[in-house]
Amino acid sequence: MPQPAAYKRTKIVVPAILLILLAGLMAAVLTAPPRKPPVPLGASATVNGGLARVNGILPFDNGVGGPDGVASRFPNPPGPGLHRVRILLELTALDKGGLSYHPDDYSVSGLGTGRWTPVWFSPAPSLAAQGERINAELMFELPDRAVELTLEVTGGPGLSLGVGHHRTRG
């Protein structure tokens, strides 16, 4: 029995469309810029105006373990599959124009997962003159299972958060 012309065309068009989509996906993957590796935990990275370094990553569970007054803002545990961490960040101004600190410029990214912004920070946005330091604290709610977390910084390669802040949930 002869097949209708529409069936023959569909038999050719569908694989052709799939082949074009696959070629487009491969082109996007192959032409994407390489991911900049983050600076190892504890090392300094160059940022706009100076240097940045993660001095510590501390847990913040159920309002315990934070600076005065912060615990009252977070009386409940984070959502399911999340945990809170405080990142202690040291910024050193090296440029004559100083170093500008804006908490909104910082986020945490994970390999293939997403990007998270601070839920709390200290101090308020400020400017450090050349030679001055800003000791900042940024709190994030991060997924329990995220891998290769990096603190993304403006004008720098990012700061690795290592794996020390991860814990197993039962």
Foldseek 3Di string as FASTA:
>chain_A
DDDDPVVVVCVVVVVVVVVVVVVVVVVCVVPDDDQQQADEAQDWKDAVQFIKHWPDKAFQAQLPDDDPPVSVVRNDGDDPQKTKIKTWMKTAGADQQFDKDAQQQKWKDFVPDGIWGFPDKDDHTDTGGHGDMDTMITMTIGGLPGPQIWIDHHRTSTYTPPCVVHDDDD
